[in-house]
Amino acid sequence: MSQEVIVAVEAALQAGKILRERANDIGKISFKDFHDPVTEVDHLAEKAVITRIKKTFPDHDILAEESGDSEGNDSSSKWIIDPLDGTLNYSHGYPCYCVSIALEQQGEVKVGVIYNPCLDEFS
Protein backbone atom coordinates (compact mmCIF):
# COMPACT_ATOMS: atom_id res chain seq x y z
CA MET A 1 0.00 0.00 0.00
CA SER A 2 1.39 3.42 -0.92
CA GLN A 3 2.17 6.09 1.67
CA GLU A 4 -0.58 8.24 0.15
CA VAL A 5 -3.21 5.53 0.66
CA ILE A 6 -2.03 4.89 4.23
CA VAL A 7 -2.30 8.60 5.06
CA ALA A 8 -5.76 8.87 3.46
CA VAL A 9 -7.01 5.85 5.42
CA GLU A 10 -5.55 7.15 8.70
CA ALA A 11 -7.06 10.60 8.09
CA ALA A 12 -10.47 9.10 7.30
CA LEU A 13 -10.37 6.99 10.46
CA GLN A 14 -9.51 10.04 12.57
CA ALA A 15 -12.35 12.05 11.05
CA GLY A 16 -14.73 9.11 11.44
CA LYS A 17 -13.88 8.85 15.12
CA ILE A 18 -14.78 12.51 15.60
CA LEU A 19 -18.05 12.02 13.70
CA ARG A 20 -19.04 9.03 15.85
CA GLU A 21 -18.06 10.71 19.12
CA ARG A 22 -19.95 13.91 18.32
CA ALA A 23 -23.03 12.34 16.71
CA ASN A 24 -25.22 13.44 19.62
CA ASP A 25 -23.44 16.77 20.11
CA ILE A 26 -23.00 18.36 16.69
CA GLY A 27 -22.68 21.88 18.07
CA LYS A 28 -23.63 24.98 16.15
CA ILE A 29 -25.21 24.58 12.71
CA SER A 30 -24.91 27.21 10.01
CA PHE A 31 -26.08 27.08 6.40
CA LYS A 32 -24.18 27.67 3.16
CA ASP A 33 -27.60 27.77 1.52
CA PHE A 34 -31.10 26.55 2.39
CA HIS A 35 -30.39 22.79 2.17
CA ASP A 36 -26.64 22.84 2.81
CA PRO A 37 -25.85 22.85 6.54
CA VAL A 38 -22.39 23.05 8.07
CA THR A 39 -21.81 21.87 11.63
CA GLU A 40 -18.99 22.41 14.09
CA VAL A 41 -18.25 18.74 13.57
CA ASP A 42 -17.64 19.36 9.83
CA HIS A 43 -14.90 21.80 10.80
CA LEU A 44 -13.40 19.52 13.48
CA ALA A 45 -13.29 16.53 11.14
CA GLU A 46 -11.81 18.63 8.33
CA LYS A 47 -9.09 19.97 10.62
CA ALA A 48 -8.18 16.41 11.67
CA VAL A 49 -7.90 15.28 8.04
CA ILE A 50 -5.80 18.27 6.99
CA THR A 51 -3.51 17.93 10.02
CA ARG A 52 -2.87 14.26 9.23
CA ILE A 53 -2.17 14.93 5.56
CA LYS A 54 0.09 17.92 6.23
CA LYS A 55 2.12 15.90 8.76
CA THR A 56 3.36 13.64 5.96
CA PHE A 57 2.88 15.84 2.90
CA PRO A 58 3.41 19.45 4.04
CA ASP A 59 3.92 20.75 0.49
CA HIS A 60 0.76 19.28 -1.03
CA ASP A 61 -2.18 21.52 -1.88
CA ILE A 62 -5.54 21.02 -0.16
CA LEU A 63 -9.05 21.63 -1.47
CA ALA A 64 -11.43 21.13 1.45
CA GLU A 65 -15.20 21.57 1.40
CA GLU A 66 -15.41 23.87 4.40
CA SER A 67 -12.15 25.86 4.28
CA GLY A 68 -11.60 25.94 0.52
CA ASP A 69 -8.17 25.99 -1.13
CA SER A 70 -4.92 25.90 0.78
CA GLU A 71 -1.87 26.25 -1.39
CA GLY A 72 1.22 24.21 -0.65
CA ASN A 73 4.49 24.27 -2.54
CA ASP A 74 3.62 21.29 -4.76
CA SER A 75 0.92 22.31 -7.21
CA SER A 76 1.10 18.89 -8.89
CA SER A 77 -0.45 17.17 -5.82
CA LYS A 78 -3.83 18.21 -4.42
CA TRP A 79 -5.88 16.51 -1.72
CA ILE A 80 -9.64 16.91 -2.13
CA ILE A 81 -11.55 16.51 1.13
CA ASP A 82 -15.18 16.29 2.18
CA PRO A 83 -14.87 15.52 5.90
CA LEU A 84 -18.58 14.91 6.35
CA ASP A 85 -20.27 13.94 3.11
CA GLY A 86 -23.92 13.85 4.12
CA THR A 87 -24.05 16.66 6.68
CA LEU A 88 -27.83 16.97 6.35
CA ASN A 89 -28.29 13.29 7.24
CA TYR A 90 -25.76 13.61 10.07
CA SER A 91 -27.46 16.70 11.50
CA HIS A 92 -30.80 14.84 11.59
CA GLY A 93 -29.28 11.76 13.22
CA TYR A 94 -29.53 9.56 10.12
CA PRO A 95 -26.58 7.15 9.98
CA CYS A 96 -25.96 7.64 6.27
CA TYR A 97 -22.83 9.77 5.77
CA CYS A 98 -19.15 9.29 5.07
CA VAL A 99 -15.68 10.82 4.95
CA SER A 100 -14.40 11.33 1.39
CA ILE A 101 -10.73 11.93 0.58
CA ALA A 102 -8.99 11.92 -2.80
CA LEU A 103 -5.52 12.77 -4.06
CA GLU A 104 -5.11 14.29 -7.49
CA GLN A 105 -1.61 14.31 -8.98
CA GLN A 106 -0.86 16.09 -12.24
CA GLY A 107 -4.57 16.28 -13.03
CA GLU A 108 -5.32 12.60 -12.42
CA VAL A 109 -6.96 11.07 -9.35
CA LYS A 110 -4.46 8.61 -7.85
CA VAL A 111 -6.08 7.85 -4.48
CA GLY A 112 -9.70 7.74 -3.39
CA VAL A 113 -10.95 6.75 0.05
CA ILE A 114 -14.56 6.72 1.22
CA TYR A 115 -15.13 5.75 4.84
CA ASN A 116 -18.49 5.01 6.45
CA PRO A 117 -17.92 5.50 10.20
CA CYS A 118 -21.33 4.04 11.11
CA LEU A 119 -20.41 0.67 9.62
CA ASP A 120 -16.63 1.07 10.06
CA GLU A 121 -16.37 0.28 6.36
CA PHE A 122 -14.25 1.54 3.48
CA SER A 123 -15.29 1.55 -0.16
C-alpha atoms as a PDB file:
ATOM      1  CA  MET A   1       0.000   0.000   0.000  1.00  0.00           C
ATOM      2  CA  SER A   2       1.392   3.420  -0.918  1.00  0.00           C
ATOM      3  CA  GLN A   3       2.169   6.090   1.666  1.00  0.00           C
ATOM      4  CA  GLU A   4      -0.583   8.244   0.147  1.00  0.00           C
ATOM      5  CA  VAL A   5      -3.208   5.525   0.661  1.00  0.00           C
ATOM      6  CA  ILE A   6      -2.028   4.894   4.227  1.00  0.00           C
ATOM      7  CA  VAL A   7      -2.300   8.598   5.061  1.00  0.00           C
ATOM      8  CA  ALA A   8      -5.757   8.867   3.462  1.00  0.00           C
ATOM      9  CA  VAL A   9      -7.011   5.850   5.423  1.00  0.00           C
ATOM     10  CA  GLU A  10      -5.554   7.148   8.698  1.00  0.00           C
ATOM     11  CA  ALA A  11      -7.059  10.601   8.091  1.00  0.00           C
ATOM     12  CA  ALA A  12     -10.470   9.104   7.296  1.00  0.00           C
ATOM     13  CA  LEU A  13     -10.371   6.987  10.457  1.00  0.00           C
ATOM     14  CA  GLN A  14      -9.513  10.037  12.572  1.00  0.00           C
ATOM     15  CA  ALA A  15     -12.350  12.054  11.050  1.00  0.00           C
ATOM     16  CA  GLY A  16     -14.730   9.111  11.437  1.00  0.00           C
ATOM     17  CA  LYS A  17     -13.876   8.846  15.123  1.00  0.00           C
ATOM     18  CA  ILE A  18     -14.781  12.509  15.597  1.00  0.00           C
ATOM     19  CA  LEU A  19     -18.051  12.024  13.702  1.00  0.00           C
ATOM     20  CA  ARG A  20     -19.037   9.032  15.847  1.00  0.00           C
ATOM     21  CA  GLU A  21     -18.057  10.708  19.122  1.00  0.00           C
ATOM     22  CA  ARG A  22     -19.950  13.908  18.322  1.00  0.00           C
ATOM     23  CA  ALA A  23     -23.029  12.340  16.711  1.00  0.00           C
ATOM     24  CA  ASN A  24     -25.219  13.437  19.624  1.00  0.00           C
ATOM     25  CA  ASP A  25     -23.439  16.774  20.115  1.00  0.00           C
ATOM     26  CA  ILE A  26     -22.995  18.361  16.688  1.00  0.00           C
ATOM     27  CA  GLY A  27     -22.684  21.882  18.069  1.00  0.00           C
ATOM     28  CA  LYS A  28     -23.628  24.983  16.147  1.00  0.00           C
ATOM     29  CA  ILE A  29     -25.207  24.575  12.709  1.00  0.00           C
ATOM     30  CA  SER A  30     -24.913  27.213  10.006  1.00  0.00           C
ATOM     31  CA  PHE A  31     -26.075  27.078   6.401  1.00  0.00           C
ATOM     32  CA  LYS A  32     -24.185  27.673   3.158  1.00  0.00           C
ATOM     33  CA  ASP A  33     -27.604  27.770   1.520  1.00  0.00           C
ATOM     34  CA  PHE A  34     -31.099  26.549   2.390  1.00  0.00           C
ATOM     35  CA  HIS A  35     -30.391  22.787   2.165  1.00  0.00           C
ATOM     36  CA  ASP A  36     -26.637  22.845   2.806  1.00  0.00           C
ATOM     37  CA  PRO A  37     -25.853  22.845   6.536  1.00  0.00           C
ATOM     38  CA  VAL A  38     -22.388  23.051   8.071  1.00  0.00           C
ATOM     39  CA  THR A  39     -21.812  21.867  11.628  1.00  0.00           C
ATOM     40  CA  GLU A  40     -18.994  22.415  14.094  1.00  0.00           C
ATOM     41  CA  VAL A  41     -18.247  18.736  13.566  1.00  0.00           C
ATOM     42  CA  ASP A  42     -17.638  19.358   9.830  1.00  0.00           C
ATOM     43  CA  HIS A  43     -14.897  21.796  10.803  1.00  0.00           C
ATOM     44  CA  LEU A  44     -13.397  19.524  13.476  1.00  0.00           C
ATOM     45  CA  ALA A  45     -13.286  16.531  11.140  1.00  0.00           C
ATOM     46  CA  GLU A  46     -11.808  18.632   8.332  1.00  0.00           C
ATOM     47  CA  LYS A  47      -9.086  19.968  10.624  1.00  0.00           C
ATOM     48  CA  ALA A  48      -8.183  16.408  11.669  1.00  0.00           C
ATOM     49  CA  VAL A  49      -7.903  15.278   8.039  1.00  0.00           C
ATOM     50  CA  ILE A  50      -5.798  18.273   6.991  1.00  0.00           C
ATOM     51  CA  THR A  51      -3.508  17.934  10.015  1.00  0.00           C
ATOM     52  CA  ARG A  52      -2.870  14.261   9.231  1.00  0.00           C
ATOM     53  CA  ILE A  53      -2.167  14.926   5.564  1.00  0.00           C
ATOM     54  CA  LYS A  54       0.094  17.918   6.228  1.00  0.00           C
ATOM     55  CA  LYS A  55       2.117  15.898   8.762  1.00  0.00           C
ATOM     56  CA  THR A  56       3.364  13.639   5.963  1.00  0.00           C
ATOM     57  CA  PHE A  57       2.878  15.842   2.905  1.00  0.00           C
ATOM     58  CA  PRO A  58       3.411  19.455   4.037  1.00  0.00           C
ATOM     59  CA  ASP A  59       3.923  20.746   0.491  1.00  0.00           C
ATOM     60  CA  HIS A  60       0.763  19.277  -1.030  1.00  0.00           C
ATOM     61  CA  ASP A  61      -2.182  21.521  -1.876  1.00  0.00           C
ATOM     62  CA  ILE A  62      -5.537  21.017  -0.161  1.00  0.00           C
ATOM     63  CA  LEU A  63      -9.052  21.628  -1.465  1.00  0.00           C
ATOM     64  CA  ALA A  64     -11.433  21.127   1.447  1.00  0.00           C
ATOM     65  CA  GLU A  65     -15.197  21.569   1.400  1.00  0.00           C
ATOM     66  CA  GLU A  66     -15.406  23.869   4.398  1.00  0.00           C
ATOM     67  CA  SER A  67     -12.154  25.861   4.277  1.00  0.00           C
ATOM     68  CA  GLY A  68     -11.597  25.945   0.522  1.00  0.00           C
ATOM     69  CA  ASP A  69      -8.173  25.989  -1.135  1.00  0.00           C
ATOM     70  CA  SER A  70      -4.922  25.896   0.777  1.00  0.00           C
ATOM     71  CA  GLU A  71      -1.869  26.250  -1.389  1.00  0.00           C
ATOM     72  CA  GLY A  72       1.222  24.210  -0.649  1.00  0.00           C
ATOM     73  CA  ASN A  73       4.490  24.265  -2.544  1.00  0.00           C
ATOM     74  CA  ASP A  74       3.625  21.290  -4.763  1.00  0.00           C
ATOM     75  CA  SER A  75       0.919  22.309  -7.205  1.00  0.00           C
ATOM     76  CA  SER A  76       1.104  18.889  -8.887  1.00  0.00           C
ATOM     77  CA  SER A  77      -0.450  17.169  -5.824  1.00  0.00           C
ATOM     78  CA  LYS A  78      -3.827  18.210  -4.425  1.00  0.00           C
ATOM     79  CA  TRP A  79      -5.883  16.509  -1.723  1.00  0.00           C
ATOM     80  CA  ILE A  80      -9.644  16.912  -2.129  1.00  0.00           C
ATOM     81  CA  ILE A  81     -11.548  16.513   1.129  1.00  0.00           C
ATOM     82  CA  ASP A  82     -15.176  16.291   2.185  1.00  0.00           C
ATOM     83  CA  PRO A  83     -14.866  15.519   5.898  1.00  0.00           C
ATOM     84  CA  LEU A  84     -18.582  14.907   6.346  1.00  0.00           C
ATOM     85  CA  ASP A  85     -20.272  13.940   3.114  1.00  0.00           C
ATOM     86  CA  GLY A  86     -23.924  13.848   4.125  1.00  0.00           C
ATOM     87  CA  THR A  87     -24.053  16.658   6.681  1.00  0.00           C
ATOM     88  CA  LEU A  88     -27.832  16.966   6.349  1.00  0.00           C
ATOM     89  CA  ASN A  89     -28.290  13.286   7.239  1.00  0.00           C
ATOM     90  CA  TYR A  90     -25.759  13.610  10.074  1.00  0.00           C
ATOM     91  CA  SER A  91     -27.460  16.701  11.504  1.00  0.00           C
ATOM     92  CA  HIS A  92     -30.798  14.836  11.588  1.00  0.00           C
ATOM     93  CA  GLY A  93     -29.279  11.762  13.220  1.00  0.00           C
ATOM     94  CA  TYR A  94     -29.532   9.559  10.119  1.00  0.00           C
ATOM     95  CA  PRO A  95     -26.576   7.146   9.979  1.00  0.00           C
ATOM     96  CA  CYS A  96     -25.955   7.637   6.271  1.00  0.00           C
ATOM     97  CA  TYR A  97     -22.827   9.771   5.774  1.00  0.00           C
ATOM     98  CA  CYS A  98     -19.147   9.287   5.070  1.00  0.00           C
ATOM     99  CA  VAL A  99     -15.677  10.818   4.950  1.00  0.00           C
ATOM    100  CA  SER A 100     -14.397  11.334   1.386  1.00  0.00           C
ATOM    101  CA  ILE A 101     -10.729  11.935   0.583  1.00  0.00           C
ATOM    102  CA  ALA A 102      -8.990  11.925  -2.796  1.00  0.00           C
ATOM    103  CA  LEU A 103      -5.520  12.766  -4.061  1.00  0.00           C
ATOM    104  CA  GLU A 104      -5.112  14.293  -7.492  1.00  0.00           C
ATOM    105  CA  GLN A 105      -1.615  14.307  -8.984  1.00  0.00           C
ATOM    106  CA  GLN A 106      -0.863  16.088 -12.235  1.00  0.00           C
ATOM    107  CA  GLY A 107      -4.567  16.283 -13.029  1.00  0.00           C
ATOM    108  CA  GLU A 108      -5.317  12.597 -12.425  1.00  0.00           C
ATOM    109  CA  VAL A 109      -6.960  11.066  -9.346  1.00  0.00           C
ATOM    110  CA  LYS A 110      -4.464   8.613  -7.847  1.00  0.00           C
ATOM    111  CA  VAL A 111      -6.080   7.845  -4.475  1.00  0.00           C
ATOM    112  CA  GLY A 112      -9.695   7.745  -3.388  1.00  0.00           C
ATOM    113  CA  VAL A 113     -10.954   6.749   0.050  1.00  0.00           C
ATOM    114  CA  ILE A 114     -14.565   6.717   1.222  1.00  0.00           C
ATOM    115  CA  TYR A 115     -15.128   5.751   4.842  1.00  0.00           C
ATOM    116  CA  ASN A 116     -18.487   5.009   6.454  1.00  0.00           C
ATOM    117  CA  PRO A 117     -17.922   5.501  10.196  1.00  0.00           C
ATOM    118  CA  CYS A 118     -21.330   4.038  11.112  1.00  0.00           C
ATOM    119  CA  LEU A 119     -20.411   0.673   9.619  1.00  0.00           C
ATOM    120  CA  ASP A 120     -16.631   1.068  10.057  1.00  0.00           C
ATOM    121  CA  GLU A 121     -16.375   0.275   6.359  1.00  0.00           C
ATOM    122  CA  PHE A 122     -14.251   1.542   3.477  1.00  0.00           C
ATOM    123  CA  SER A 123     -15.292   1.554  -0.164  1.00  0.00           C
END
